[in-house]
Amino acid sequence: MQYRTLGRTGVQVSSLALGAMNFGALGRTTQEEATAVVDAALEGGINVIDTADWYSRGGSEEIVGKAVAGRRDDLVLATKATMPMGEERNHRGGSRRWLVTALEDSLRRLGVDHVDLYQVHRWDPETDDEETLSALTDLRRAGKIRYFGSSTFPAYRIVQAQWAAREHHLGRYVTEQPSYSILQRGIEAHVLPVAEQYGLGVLAWSPLASGWLSGAVRAGREVTTHRAGLMPERFDPALPANRARLDAVERLAEVAAGAGLTLVQLALGFVTAHPAVTSAIVGPRTLDHLRSQLDAADTVLPADVLDAIDAVVAPGVDLAPHEKFDTPPALLDPSLRRR
């Protein structure tokens, strides 16, 4: 396992982080199964666990809390808030009112008195940066969080938040958690350069592109992954974007084989090779999934392999742009661009 400094915090974190989205109802993972995954991850050198209140409506946090009991100080514990936690309209977003409540709920579910990294799960266009940053700054001063960061923010919002922190003399986001993989490279054009400029640690989620790069999705095979069962349209070969991804996967498999690597090793080695990326978040449902991912922990791709990947998917290109989660609201809401 490689270890890197998380932004400018001085905290040393593993190049692979354990994502807990599949713990609980979403991934149909029991407490026993999740604890076994956590045990193996820590034994394999992973020292970051990332969860969120939204995952299985708090179920993931409860499972993580029980799995890390008695060894909480041996790892960097991260969670997130702002996604809807019910029908009540104020049980979401980046307001002080909700963030304080959401954190207390997360601490209770995790069974801890603080988290190391508290992240704004999505940018909330209804809430001013000063409101959110002041609440997070106060929570840090109270000792309930050590650091705070953003997740899936458009690049211009990352910049705006940094300036708001400076203008109002508040704490700043020290990390960003974007989606990044060989098949979704758009953030190379804006988010990653901005993260480097501001010294942010980057925890990249979905480095296996929702399973496309796991080795389980290949031409001529029926796709039977758990994710395909939840979102079949994302794997329907009749759709042009999926045909493009399938073609890319076949070519990438050839690149991996030529380099003596698995597709998983190629995918994770690619993400962690970017100088802006601190860690790649893997989200295994099973021990077998985790073991295949841990095999990539020490993978360092040589220049010729990285060049071969560029020839398959060009730098800065998203093969499925419609699946992006950081599209600015002005591109999604016609009322914001029409008089």
C-alpha atoms as a PDB file:
ATOM      1  CA  MET A   1       0.000   0.000   0.000  1.00  0.00           C
ATOM      2  CA  GLN A   2       1.185   3.507  -0.821  1.00  0.00           C
ATOM      3  CA  TYR A   3       0.526   6.410   1.550  1.00  0.00           C
ATOM      4  CA  ARG A   4       0.109  10.050   0.646  1.00  0.00           C
ATOM      5  CA  THR A   5      -0.520  13.336   2.416  1.00  0.00           C
ATOM      6  CA  LEU A   6      -4.161  14.410   2.301  1.00  0.00           C
ATOM      7  CA  GLY A   7      -3.900  17.845   0.715  1.00  0.00           C
ATOM      8  CA  ARG A   8      -2.058  20.157   3.079  1.00  0.00           C
ATOM      9  CA  THR A   9      -3.427  18.592   6.272  1.00  0.00           C
ATOM     10  CA  GLY A  10      -0.364  16.508   7.098  1.00  0.00           C
ATOM     11  CA  VAL A  11      -2.604  13.445   7.528  1.00  0.00           C
ATOM     12  CA  GLN A  12      -1.194  10.315   5.884  1.00  0.00           C
ATOM     13  CA  VAL A  13      -3.781   8.256   4.011  1.00  0.00           C
ATOM     14  CA  SER A  14      -3.664   5.089   1.932  1.00  0.00           C
ATOM     15  CA  SER A  15      -3.822   5.328  -1.856  1.00  0.00           C
ATOM     16  CA  LEU A  16      -6.918   3.123  -1.719  1.00  0.00           C
ATOM     17  CA  ALA A  17      -9.802   4.107   0.558  1.00  0.00           C
ATOM     18  CA  LEU A  18     -12.716   1.896   1.582  1.00  0.00           C
ATOM     19  CA  GLY A  19     -16.082   3.241   0.486  1.00  0.00           C
ATOM     20  CA  ALA A  20     -19.064   1.996   2.496  1.00  0.00           C
ATOM     21  CA  MET A  21     -21.944   2.823   0.138  1.00  0.00           C
ATOM     22  CA  ASN A  22     -22.673  -0.886  -0.345  1.00  0.00           C
ATOM     23  CA  PHE A  23     -22.921  -1.557   3.395  1.00  0.00           C
ATOM     24  CA  GLY A  24     -26.553  -2.080   4.343  1.00  0.00           C
ATOM     25  CA  ALA A  25     -29.735  -2.201   2.293  1.00  0.00           C
ATOM     26  CA  LEU A  26     -28.295  -0.761  -0.930  1.00  0.00           C
ATOM     27  CA  GLY A  27     -25.677  -3.464  -1.326  1.00  0.00           C
ATOM     28  CA  ARG A  28     -27.604  -6.078   0.680  1.00  0.00           C
ATOM     29  CA  THR A  29     -24.530  -6.427   2.897  1.00  0.00           C
ATOM     30  CA  THR A  30     -24.959  -7.741   6.444  1.00  0.00           C
ATOM     31  CA  GLN A  31     -23.077  -6.519   9.511  1.00  0.00           C
ATOM     32  CA  GLU A  32     -20.983  -9.698   9.548  1.00  0.00           C
ATOM     33  CA  GLU A  33     -20.059  -9.377   5.876  1.00  0.00           C
ATOM     34  CA  ALA A  34     -19.228  -5.687   6.185  1.00  0.00           C
ATOM     35  CA  THR A  35     -17.103  -6.245   9.274  1.00  0.00           C
ATOM     36  CA  ALA A  36     -15.130  -8.926   7.425  1.00  0.00           C
ATOM     37  CA  VAL A  37     -14.518  -6.463   4.577  1.00  0.00           C
ATOM     38  CA  VAL A  38     -13.395  -3.767   7.021  1.00  0.00           C
ATOM     39  CA  ASP A  39     -11.090  -6.238   8.778  1.00  0.00           C
ATOM     40  CA  ALA A  40      -9.480  -7.286   5.490  1.00  0.00           C
ATOM     41  CA  ALA A  41      -9.168  -3.690   4.297  1.00  0.00           C
ATOM     42  CA  LEU A  42      -7.365  -2.588   7.448  1.00  0.00           C
ATOM     43  CA  GLU A  43      -5.118  -5.663   7.320  1.00  0.00           C
ATOM     44  CA  GLY A  44      -4.344  -4.787   3.698  1.00  0.00           C
ATOM     45  CA  GLY A  45      -3.133  -1.322   4.676  1.00  0.00           C
ATOM     46  CA  ILE A  46      -6.218   0.796   3.975  1.00  0.00           C
ATOM     47  CA  ASN A  47      -6.623   3.440   6.672  1.00  0.00           C
ATOM     48  CA  VAL A  48      -9.513   5.530   5.269  1.00  0.00           C
ATOM     49  CA  ILE A  49     -13.198   4.587   5.502  1.00  0.00           C
ATOM     50  CA  ASP A  50     -15.685   6.821   3.705  1.00  0.00           C
ATOM     51  CA  THR A  51     -19.428   6.684   4.294  1.00  0.00           C
ATOM     52  CA  ALA A  52     -22.416   9.074   4.280  1.00  0.00           C
ATOM     53  CA  ASP A  53     -25.685   9.588   6.114  1.00  0.00           C
ATOM     54  CA  TRP A  54     -27.557   9.050   2.842  1.00  0.00           C
ATOM     55  CA  TYR A  55     -26.167   5.536   2.261  1.00  0.00           C
ATOM     56  CA  SER A  56     -28.984   3.142   3.185  1.00  0.00           C
ATOM     57  CA  ARG A  57     -30.575   6.039   5.110  1.00  0.00           C
ATOM     58  CA  GLY A  58     -28.038   5.861   7.903  1.00  0.00           C
ATOM     59  CA  GLY A  59     -27.631   2.099   7.758  1.00  0.00           C
ATOM     60  CA  SER A  60     -24.120   2.295   6.351  1.00  0.00           C
ATOM     61  CA  GLU A  61     -22.952   4.555   9.171  1.00  0.00           C
ATOM     62  CA  GLU A  62     -24.405   2.194  11.780  1.00  0.00           C
ATOM     63  CA  ILE A  63     -22.618  -0.772  10.201  1.00  0.00           C
ATOM     64  CA  VAL A  64     -19.323   1.117   9.905  1.00  0.00           C
ATOM     65  CA  GLY A  65     -19.565   2.234  13.524  1.00  0.00           C
ATOM     66  CA  LYS A  66     -19.924  -1.338  14.771  1.00  0.00           C
ATOM     67  CA  ALA A  67     -17.189  -2.592  12.432  1.00  0.00           C
ATOM     68  CA  VAL A  68     -14.591  -0.072  13.656  1.00  0.00           C
ATOM     69  CA  ALA A  69     -15.499  -0.174  17.354  1.00  0.00           C
ATOM     70  CA  GLY A  70     -12.383  -0.363  19.490  1.00  0.00           C
ATOM     71  CA  ARG A  71     -10.038   0.763  16.715  1.00  0.00           C
ATOM     72  CA  ARG A  72     -11.518   4.085  15.686  1.00  0.00           C
ATOM     73  CA  ASP A  73      -8.243   5.934  16.358  1.00  0.00           C
ATOM     74  CA  ASP A  74      -6.370   3.686  13.920  1.00  0.00           C
ATOM     75  CA  LEU A  75      -8.165   5.033  10.862  1.00  0.00           C
ATOM     76  CA  VAL A  76      -9.310   8.195   9.130  1.00  0.00           C
ATOM     77  CA  LEU A  77     -13.108   8.203   9.363  1.00  0.00           C
ATOM     78  CA  ALA A  78     -15.050  10.257   6.821  1.00  0.00           C
ATOM     79  CA  THR A  79     -18.752  10.836   6.304  1.00  0.00           C
ATOM     80  CA  LYS A  80     -20.977  13.206   4.345  1.00  0.00           C
ATOM     81  CA  ALA A  81     -24.235  15.174   4.573  1.00  0.00           C
ATOM     82  CA  THR A  82     -26.646  17.384   2.536  1.00  0.00           C
ATOM     83  CA  MET A  83     -28.524  14.687   0.591  1.00  0.00           C
ATOM     84  CA  PRO A  84     -32.235  14.273   1.471  1.00  0.00           C
ATOM     85  CA  MET A  85     -32.821  12.259   4.641  1.00  0.00           C
ATOM     86  CA  GLY A  86     -36.589  12.113   4.423  1.00  0.00           C
ATOM     87  CA  GLU A  87     -39.567  14.014   3.062  1.00  0.00           C
ATOM     88  CA  GLU A  88     -39.202  16.992   5.414  1.00  0.00           C
ATOM     89  CA  ARG A  89     -37.891  19.827   3.251  1.00  0.00           C
ATOM     90  CA  ASN A  90     -35.320  21.034   5.776  1.00  0.00           C
ATOM     91  CA  HIS A  91     -33.777  17.601   6.340  1.00  0.00           C
ATOM     92  CA  ARG A  92     -31.279  18.195   3.568  1.00  0.00           C
ATOM     93  CA  GLY A  93     -28.986  20.844   2.135  1.00  0.00           C
ATOM     94  CA  GLY A  94     -26.120  22.950   3.418  1.00  0.00           C
ATOM     95  CA  SER A  95     -27.826  25.178   5.997  1.00  0.00           C
ATOM     96  CA  ARG A  96     -26.439  25.521   9.504  1.00  0.00           C
ATOM     97  CA  ARG A  97     -29.764  24.245  10.820  1.00  0.00           C
ATOM     98  CA  TRP A  98     -29.413  20.954   8.972  1.00  0.00           C
ATOM     99  CA  LEU A  99     -25.646  20.383   9.079  1.00  0.00           C
ATOM    100  CA  VAL A 100     -25.529  20.606  12.884  1.00  0.00           C
ATOM    101  CA  THR A 101     -28.409  18.153  13.192  1.00  0.00           C
ATOM    102  CA  ALA A 102     -27.074  15.845  10.498  1.00  0.00           C
ATOM    103  CA  LEU A 103     -23.658  15.631  12.127  1.00  0.00           C
ATOM    104  CA  GLU A 104     -25.136  14.802  15.531  1.00  0.00           C
ATOM    105  CA  ASP A 105     -27.154  12.033  13.875  1.00  0.00           C
ATOM    106  CA  SER A 106     -24.054  10.711  12.083  1.00  0.00           C
ATOM    107  CA  LEU A 107     -21.961  10.703  15.270  1.00  0.00           C
ATOM    108  CA  ARG A 108     -24.698   8.786  17.067  1.00  0.00           C
ATOM    109  CA  ARG A 109     -24.956   6.180  14.309  1.00  0.00           C
ATOM    110  CA  LEU A 110     -21.181   5.815  14.058  1.00  0.00           C
ATOM    111  CA  GLY A 111     -20.807   5.632  17.841  1.00  0.00           C
ATOM    112  CA  VAL A 112     -17.992   8.213  17.930  1.00  0.00           C
ATOM    113  CA  ASP A 113     -17.514  11.709  19.309  1.00  0.00           C
ATOM    114  CA  HIS A 114     -15.931  13.134  16.149  1.00  0.00           C
ATOM    115  CA  VAL A 115     -15.192  12.367  12.503  1.00  0.00           C
ATOM    116  CA  ASP A 116     -11.919  13.145  10.805  1.00  0.00           C
ATOM    117  CA  LEU A 117     -13.438  14.413   7.564  1.00  0.00           C
ATOM    118  CA  TYR A 118     -16.960  15.826   7.132  1.00  0.00           C
ATOM    119  CA  GLN A 119     -17.946  16.395   3.516  1.00  0.00           C
ATOM    120  CA  VAL A 120     -20.683  18.350   1.785  1.00  0.00           C
ATOM    121  CA  HIS A 121     -22.110  15.542  -0.343  1.00  0.00           C
ATOM    122  CA  ARG A 122     -23.370  17.842  -3.099  1.00  0.00           C
ATOM    123  CA  TRP A 123     -23.281  21.587  -3.630  1.00  0.00           C
ATOM    124  CA  ASP A 124     -26.532  23.176  -2.447  1.00  0.00           C
ATOM    125  CA  PRO A 125     -27.438  26.067  -4.798  1.00  0.00           C
ATOM    126  CA  GLU A 126     -30.070  27.287  -2.298  1.00  0.00           C
ATOM    127  CA  THR A 127     -27.503  27.986   0.430  1.00  0.00           C
ATOM    128  CA  ASP A 128     -24.824  30.661   0.525  1.00  0.00           C
ATOM    129  CA  ASP A 129     -21.210  29.514   0.867  1.00  0.00           C
ATOM    130  CA  GLU A 130     -20.772  31.652   3.988  1.00  0.00           C
ATOM    131  CA  GLU A 131     -23.695  29.899   5.698  1.00  0.00           C
ATOM    132  CA  THR A 132     -22.280  26.435   5.062  1.00  0.00           C
ATOM    133  CA  LEU A 133     -18.641  27.291   5.766  1.00  0.00           C
ATOM    134  CA  SER A 134     -19.434  29.125   9.002  1.00  0.00           C
ATOM    135  CA  ALA A 135     -21.386  26.116  10.295  1.00  0.00           C
ATOM    136  CA  LEU A 136     -18.560  23.743   9.366  1.00  0.00           C
ATOM    137  CA  THR A 137     -15.980  26.057  10.928  1.00  0.00           C
ATOM    138  CA  ASP A 138     -17.924  26.102  14.195  1.00  0.00           C
ATOM    139  CA  LEU A 139     -18.287  22.321  14.188  1.00  0.00           C
ATOM    140  CA  ARG A 140     -14.539  22.022  13.731  1.00  0.00           C
ATOM    141  CA  ARG A 141     -13.877  24.447  16.592  1.00  0.00           C
ATOM    142  CA  ALA A 142     -16.214  22.390  18.761  1.00  0.00           C
ATOM    143  CA  GLY A 143     -14.024  19.339  18.098  1.00  0.00           C
ATOM    144  CA  LYS A 144     -16.755  17.351  16.374  1.00  0.00           C
ATOM    145  CA  ILE A 145     -14.939  17.306  13.034  1.00  0.00           C
ATOM    146  CA  ARG A 146     -11.245  17.634  12.294  1.00  0.00           C
ATOM    147  CA  TYR A 147     -11.462  18.750   8.655  1.00  0.00           C
ATOM    148  CA  PHE A 148     -14.175  19.397   6.113  1.00  0.00           C
ATOM    149  CA  GLY A 149     -14.392  18.984   2.362  1.00  0.00           C
ATOM    150  CA  SER A 150     -16.656  19.008  -0.674  1.00  0.00           C
ATOM    151  CA  SER A 151     -17.903  16.238  -2.931  1.00  0.00           C
ATOM    152  CA  THR A 152     -18.709  16.362  -6.646  1.00  0.00           C
ATOM    153  CA  PHE A 153     -18.531  20.155  -6.845  1.00  0.00           C
ATOM    154  CA  PRO A 154     -18.177  21.840 -10.247  1.00  0.00           C
ATOM    155  CA  ALA A 155     -14.758  23.471 -10.536  1.00  0.00           C
ATOM    156  CA  TYR A 156     -16.105  27.008 -10.377  1.00  0.00           C
ATOM    157  CA  ARG A 157     -17.902  26.207  -7.111  1.00  0.00           C
ATOM    158  CA  ILE A 158     -14.680  24.867  -5.617  1.00  0.00           C
ATOM    159  CA  VAL A 159     -13.022  28.188  -6.477  1.00  0.00           C
ATOM    160  CA  GLN A 160     -15.955  30.222  -5.169  1.00  0.00           C
ATOM    161  CA  ALA A 161     -15.929  28.371  -1.851  1.00  0.00           C
ATOM    162  CA  GLN A 162     -12.198  28.971  -1.442  1.00  0.00           C
ATOM    163  CA  TRP A 163     -12.698  32.695  -2.025  1.00  0.00           C
ATOM    164  CA  ALA A 164     -15.701  32.823   0.328  1.00  0.00           C
ATOM    165  CA  ALA A 165     -13.606  31.224   3.076  1.00  0.00           C
ATOM    166  CA  ARG A 166     -10.887  33.812   2.558  1.00  0.00           C
ATOM    167  CA  GLU A 167     -13.296  36.750   2.372  1.00  0.00           C
ATOM    168  CA  HIS A 168     -15.172  35.828   5.542  1.00  0.00           C
ATOM    169  CA  HIS A 169     -12.175  34.460   7.492  1.00  0.00           C
ATOM    170  CA  LEU A 170     -13.646  30.983   7.755  1.00  0.00           C
ATOM    171  CA  GLY A 171     -12.242  27.483   7.513  1.00  0.00           C
ATOM    172  CA  ARG A 172     -11.947  26.161   3.979  1.00  0.00           C
ATOM    173  CA  TYR A 173     -12.634  22.894   2.235  1.00  0.00           C
ATOM    174  CA  VAL A 174      -9.423  20.875   2.300  1.00  0.00           C
ATOM    175  CA  THR A 175     -10.618  17.976   0.142  1.00  0.00           C
ATOM    176  CA  GLU A 176     -12.766  17.284  -2.897  1.00  0.00           C
ATOM    177  CA  GLN A 177     -14.393  13.938  -3.711  1.00  0.00           C
ATOM    178  CA  PRO A 178     -15.127  13.712  -7.460  1.00  0.00           C
ATOM    179  CA  SER A 179     -16.102  10.837  -9.728  1.00  0.00           C
ATOM    180  CA  TYR A 180     -13.104   9.773 -11.818  1.00  0.00           C
ATOM    181  CA  SER A 181     -12.203   6.777 -13.956  1.00  0.00           C
ATOM    182  CA  ILE A 182     -10.688   5.899 -17.313  1.00  0.00           C
ATOM    183  CA  LEU A 183     -14.177   6.098 -18.819  1.00  0.00           C
ATOM    184  CA  GLN A 184     -15.086   9.418 -17.162  1.00  0.00           C
ATOM    185  CA  ARG A 185     -12.114  11.779 -17.536  1.00  0.00           C
ATOM    186  CA  GLY A 186     -13.857  15.150 -17.813  1.00  0.00           C
ATOM    187  CA  ILE A 187     -12.576  16.411 -14.461  1.00  0.00           C
ATOM    188  CA  GLU A 188      -9.025  16.355 -15.828  1.00  0.00           C
ATOM    189  CA  ALA A 189      -9.873  19.576 -17.675  1.00  0.00           C
ATOM    190  CA  HIS A 190     -11.050  21.616 -14.689  1.00  0.00           C
ATOM    191  CA  VAL A 191     -11.697  20.006 -11.289  1.00  0.00           C
ATOM    192  CA  LEU A 192      -8.325  18.299 -10.874  1.00  0.00           C
ATOM    193  CA  PRO A 193      -6.238  21.336 -11.923  1.00  0.00           C
ATOM    194  CA  VAL A 194      -8.246  23.515  -9.516  1.00  0.00           C
ATOM    195  CA  ALA A 195      -7.768  20.988  -6.721  1.00  0.00           C
ATOM    196  CA  GLU A 196      -4.020  21.055  -7.330  1.00  0.00           C
ATOM    197  CA  GLN A 197      -3.957  24.851  -7.369  1.00  0.00           C
ATOM    198  CA  TYR A 198      -5.677  25.082  -3.980  1.00  0.00           C
ATOM    199  CA  GLY A 199      -3.826  22.165  -2.427  1.00  0.00           C
ATOM    200  CA  LEU A 200      -6.908  20.006  -1.935  1.00  0.00           C
ATOM    201  CA  GLY A 201      -6.712  16.320  -1.196  1.00  0.00           C
ATOM    202  CA  VAL A 202      -8.697  14.365  -3.801  1.00  0.00           C
ATOM    203  CA  LEU A 203     -10.597  11.179  -2.915  1.00  0.00           C
ATOM    204  CA  ALA A 204     -11.843   9.819  -6.252  1.00  0.00           C
ATOM    205  CA  TRP A 205     -15.033   7.780  -6.209  1.00  0.00           C
ATOM    206  CA  SER A 206     -16.213   5.221  -8.784  1.00  0.00           C
ATOM    207  CA  PRO A 207     -12.706   4.487 -10.129  1.00  0.00           C
ATOM    208  CA  LEU A 208     -14.099   1.253 -11.609  1.00  0.00           C
ATOM    209  CA  ALA A 209     -16.870   3.218 -13.384  1.00  0.00           C
ATOM    210  CA  SER A 210     -19.791   1.518 -11.586  1.00  0.00           C
ATOM    211  CA  GLY A 211     -18.378  -1.902 -12.445  1.00  0.00           C
ATOM    212  CA  TRP A 212     -17.579  -1.306 -16.104  1.00  0.00           C
ATOM    213  CA  LEU A 213     -13.877  -1.719 -15.306  1.00  0.00           C
ATOM    214  CA  SER A 214     -14.230  -4.590 -12.839  1.00  0.00           C
ATOM    215  CA  GLY A 215     -13.754  -7.267 -15.492  1.00  0.00           C
ATOM    216  CA  ALA A 216     -17.368  -8.408 -15.161  1.00  0.00           C
ATOM    217  CA  VAL A 217     -18.615  -6.379 -18.147  1.00  0.00           C
ATOM    218  CA  ARG A 218     -17.294  -7.786 -21.420  1.00  0.00           C
ATOM    219  CA  ALA A 219     -18.564  -8.174 -24.974  1.00  0.00           C
ATOM    220  CA  GLY A 220     -20.757 -11.220 -25.508  1.00  0.00           C
ATOM    221  CA  ARG A 221     -21.428 -11.739 -21.810  1.00  0.00           C
ATOM    222  CA  GLU A 222     -24.619 -11.197 -19.898  1.00  0.00           C
ATOM    223  CA  VAL A 223     -24.077  -8.477 -17.292  1.00  0.00           C
ATOM    224  CA  THR A 224     -25.133  -9.871 -13.917  1.00  0.00           C
ATOM    225  CA  THR A 225     -23.514  -7.397 -11.536  1.00  0.00           C
ATOM    226  CA  HIS A 226     -25.437  -5.970  -8.585  1.00  0.00           C
ATOM    227  CA  ARG A 227     -25.181  -2.467 -10.040  1.00  0.00           C
ATOM    228  CA  ALA A 228     -26.586  -3.622 -13.386  1.00  0.00           C
ATOM    229  CA  GLY A 229     -29.574  -5.049 -11.539  1.00  0.00           C
ATOM    230  CA  LEU A 230     -30.211  -1.690  -9.872  1.00  0.00           C
ATOM    231  CA  MET A 231     -29.632   0.448 -12.977  1.00  0.00           C
ATOM    232  CA  PRO A 232     -30.060  -1.737 -16.085  1.00  0.00           C
ATOM    233  CA  GLU A 233     -30.175   1.275 -18.429  1.00  0.00           C
ATOM    234  CA  ARG A 234     -26.546   2.042 -17.598  1.00  0.00           C
ATOM    235  CA  PHE A 235     -25.498  -1.313 -19.032  1.00  0.00           C
ATOM    236  CA  ASP A 236     -27.930  -1.691 -21.948  1.00  0.00           C
ATOM    237  CA  PRO A 237     -25.710  -2.344 -25.003  1.00  0.00           C
ATOM    238  CA  ALA A 238     -28.400  -0.924 -27.276  1.00  0.00           C
ATOM    239  CA  LEU A 239     -27.613   2.586 -26.038  1.00  0.00           C
ATOM    240  CA  PRO A 240     -24.834   4.440 -27.914  1.00  0.00           C
ATOM    241  CA  ALA A 241     -22.975   5.551 -24.775  1.00  0.00           C
ATOM    242  CA  ASN A 242     -22.903   1.986 -23.486  1.00  0.00           C
ATOM    243  CA  ARG A 243     -21.672   0.641 -26.814  1.00  0.00           C
ATOM    244  CA  ALA A 244     -18.851   3.193 -26.682  1.00  0.00           C
ATOM    245  CA  ARG A 245     -17.968   2.097 -23.160  1.00  0.00           C
ATOM    246  CA  LEU A 246     -18.045  -1.575 -24.090  1.00  0.00           C
ATOM    247  CA  ASP A 247     -15.722  -0.942 -27.014  1.00  0.00           C
ATOM    248  CA  ALA A 248     -13.362   0.982 -24.741  1.00  0.00           C
ATOM    249  CA  VAL A 249     -13.419  -1.807 -22.135  1.00  0.00           C
ATOM    250  CA  GLU A 250     -12.434  -4.407 -24.741  1.00  0.00           C
ATOM    251  CA  ARG A 251      -9.507  -2.283 -25.894  1.00  0.00           C
ATOM    252  CA  LEU A 252      -8.475  -1.538 -22.309  1.00  0.00           C
ATOM    253  CA  ALA A 253      -8.542  -5.252 -21.509  1.00  0.00           C
ATOM    254  CA  GLU A 254      -5.981  -5.738 -24.277  1.00  0.00           C
ATOM    255  CA  VAL A 255      -3.821  -2.955 -22.812  1.00  0.00           C
ATOM    256  CA  ALA A 256      -4.027  -4.572 -19.378  1.00  0.00           C
ATOM    257  CA  ALA A 257      -3.178  -8.033 -20.685  1.00  0.00           C
ATOM    258  CA  GLY A 258      -0.202  -6.645 -22.594  1.00  0.00           C
ATOM    259  CA  ALA A 259       1.092  -5.072 -19.384  1.00  0.00           C
ATOM    260  CA  GLY A 260       0.541  -8.230 -17.336  1.00  0.00           C
ATOM    261  CA  LEU A 261      -2.214  -6.599 -15.294  1.00  0.00           C
ATOM    262  CA  THR A 262      -5.847  -7.225 -14.500  1.00  0.00           C
ATOM    263  CA  LEU A 263      -8.404  -4.697 -15.683  1.00  0.00           C
ATOM    264  CA  VAL A 264      -8.959  -3.680 -12.047  1.00  0.00           C
ATOM    265  CA  GLN A 265      -5.235  -3.033 -11.593  1.00  0.00           C
ATOM    266  CA  LEU A 266      -5.172  -0.961 -14.769  1.00  0.00           C
ATOM    267  CA  ALA A 267      -8.219   1.073 -13.702  1.00  0.00           C
ATOM    268  CA  LEU A 268      -7.067   1.796 -10.159  1.00  0.00           C
ATOM    269  CA  GLY A 269      -3.467   2.364 -11.206  1.00  0.00           C
ATOM    270  CA  PHE A 270      -4.679   4.936 -13.723  1.00  0.00           C
ATOM    271  CA  VAL A 271      -6.682   6.923 -11.164  1.00  0.00           C
ATOM    272  CA  THR A 272      -3.943   6.964  -8.537  1.00  0.00           C
ATOM    273  CA  ALA A 273      -1.345   7.959 -11.152  1.00  0.00           C
ATOM    274  CA  HIS A 274      -2.821  11.444 -11.553  1.00  0.00           C
ATOM    275  CA  PRO A 275      -0.749  13.892  -9.487  1.00  0.00           C
ATOM    276  CA  ALA A 276      -3.870  15.563  -8.092  1.00  0.00           C
ATOM    277  CA  VAL A 277      -5.405  12.320  -6.771  1.00  0.00           C
ATOM    278  CA  THR A 278      -4.680  11.303  -3.193  1.00  0.00           C
ATOM    279  CA  SER A 279      -6.769   8.118  -2.939  1.00  0.00           C
ATOM    280  CA  ALA A 280      -9.138   6.033  -5.044  1.00  0.00           C
ATOM    281  CA  ILE A 281     -12.278   4.955  -3.168  1.00  0.00           C
ATOM    282  CA  VAL A 282     -13.192   1.309  -3.740  1.00  0.00           C
ATOM    283  CA  GLY A 283     -16.647   0.087  -2.748  1.00  0.00           C
ATOM    284  CA  PRO A 284     -16.567  -3.715  -2.512  1.00  0.00           C
ATOM    285  CA  ARG A 285     -19.669  -5.697  -1.625  1.00  0.00           C
ATOM    286  CA  THR A 286     -17.735  -8.893  -0.938  1.00  0.00           C
ATOM    287  CA  LEU A 287     -14.326 -10.045   0.258  1.00  0.00           C
ATOM    288  CA  ASP A 288     -13.521 -11.318  -3.232  1.00  0.00           C
ATOM    289  CA  HIS A 289     -14.200  -7.860  -4.654  1.00  0.00           C
ATOM    290  CA  LEU A 290     -11.922  -6.310  -2.052  1.00  0.00           C
ATOM    291  CA  ARG A 291      -9.093  -8.784  -2.639  1.00  0.00           C
ATOM    292  CA  SER A 292      -9.058  -8.042  -6.377  1.00  0.00           C
ATOM    293  CA  GLN A 293      -8.864  -4.335  -5.560  1.00  0.00           C
ATOM    294  CA  LEU A 294      -6.149  -4.693  -2.919  1.00  0.00           C
ATOM    295  CA  ASP A 295      -4.055  -6.413  -5.597  1.00  0.00           C
ATOM    296  CA  ALA A 296      -3.871  -2.995  -7.265  1.00  0.00           C
ATOM    297  CA  ALA A 297      -2.580  -1.177  -4.186  1.00  0.00           C
ATOM    298  CA  ASP A 298       1.025  -1.127  -5.389  1.00  0.00           C
ATOM    299  CA  THR A 299       0.311  -0.810  -9.114  1.00  0.00           C
ATOM    300  CA  VAL A 300       2.376   1.894 -10.810  1.00  0.00           C
ATOM    301  CA  LEU A 301       1.629   2.280 -14.509  1.00  0.00           C
ATOM    302  CA  PRO A 302       4.589   3.092 -16.783  1.00  0.00           C
ATOM    303  CA  ALA A 303       4.362   5.923 -19.314  1.00  0.00           C
ATOM    304  CA  ASP A 304       3.751   3.631 -22.295  1.00  0.00           C
ATOM    305  CA  VAL A 305       0.713   2.064 -20.596  1.00  0.00           C
ATOM    306  CA  LEU A 306      -0.689   5.477 -19.687  1.00  0.00           C
ATOM    307  CA  ASP A 307      -0.162   6.549 -23.311  1.00  0.00           C
ATOM    308  CA  ALA A 308      -2.029   3.446 -24.476  1.00  0.00           C
ATOM    309  CA  ILE A 309      -4.948   4.344 -22.199  1.00  0.00           C
ATOM    310  CA  ASP A 310      -4.981   7.867 -23.679  1.00  0.00           C
ATOM    311  CA  ALA A 311      -5.296   6.307 -27.132  1.00  0.00           C
ATOM    312  CA  VAL A 312      -8.456   4.491 -26.014  1.00  0.00           C
ATOM    313  CA  VAL A 313     -10.108   7.323 -24.062  1.00  0.00           C
ATOM    314  CA  ALA A 314      -8.640  10.756 -24.689  1.00  0.00           C
ATOM    315  CA  PRO A 315      -7.730  13.019 -21.750  1.00  0.00           C
ATOM    316  CA  GLY A 316     -10.654  15.095 -20.505  1.00  0.00           C
ATOM    317  CA  VAL A 317     -13.307  12.966 -22.250  1.00  0.00           C
ATOM    318  CA  ASP A 318     -16.421  11.541 -20.551  1.00  0.00           C
ATOM    319  CA  LEU A 319     -17.835   8.550 -22.419  1.00  0.00           C
ATOM    320  CA  ALA A 320     -21.119   8.917 -20.515  1.00  0.00           C
ATOM    321  CA  PRO A 321     -21.511  12.659 -19.855  1.00  0.00           C
ATOM    322  CA  HIS A 322     -25.211  12.218 -19.054  1.00  0.00           C
ATOM    323  CA  GLU A 323     -24.226  10.318 -15.906  1.00  0.00           C
ATOM    324  CA  LYS A 324     -22.155  13.153 -14.476  1.00  0.00           C
ATOM    325  CA  PHE A 325     -23.151  14.539 -11.085  1.00  0.00           C
ATOM    326  CA  ASP A 326     -21.335  17.876 -11.254  1.00  0.00           C
ATOM    327  CA  THR A 327     -23.203  19.460 -14.164  1.00  0.00           C
ATOM    328  CA  PRO A 328     -23.892  23.135 -13.331  1.00  0.00           C
ATOM    329  CA  PRO A 329     -27.591  23.840 -12.636  1.00  0.00           C
ATOM    330  CA  ALA A 330     -27.695  26.347 -15.503  1.00  0.00           C
ATOM    331  CA  LEU A 331     -27.305  23.445 -17.934  1.00  0.00           C
ATOM    332  CA  LEU A 332     -30.045  21.384 -16.290  1.00  0.00           C
ATOM    333  CA  ASP A 333     -32.710  24.016 -15.595  1.00  0.00           C
ATOM    334  CA  PRO A 334     -33.937  25.865 -18.724  1.00  0.00           C
ATOM    335  CA  SER A 335     -35.311  28.731 -16.597  1.00  0.00           C
ATOM    336  CA  LEU A 336     -31.742  29.674 -15.652  1.00  0.00           C
ATOM    337  CA  ARG A 337     -30.740  30.311 -19.262  1.00  0.00           C
ATOM    338  CA  ARG A 338     -33.930  31.765 -20.804  1.00  0.00           C
ATOM    339  CA  ARG A 339     -35.614  35.109 -20.361  1.00  0.00           C
END
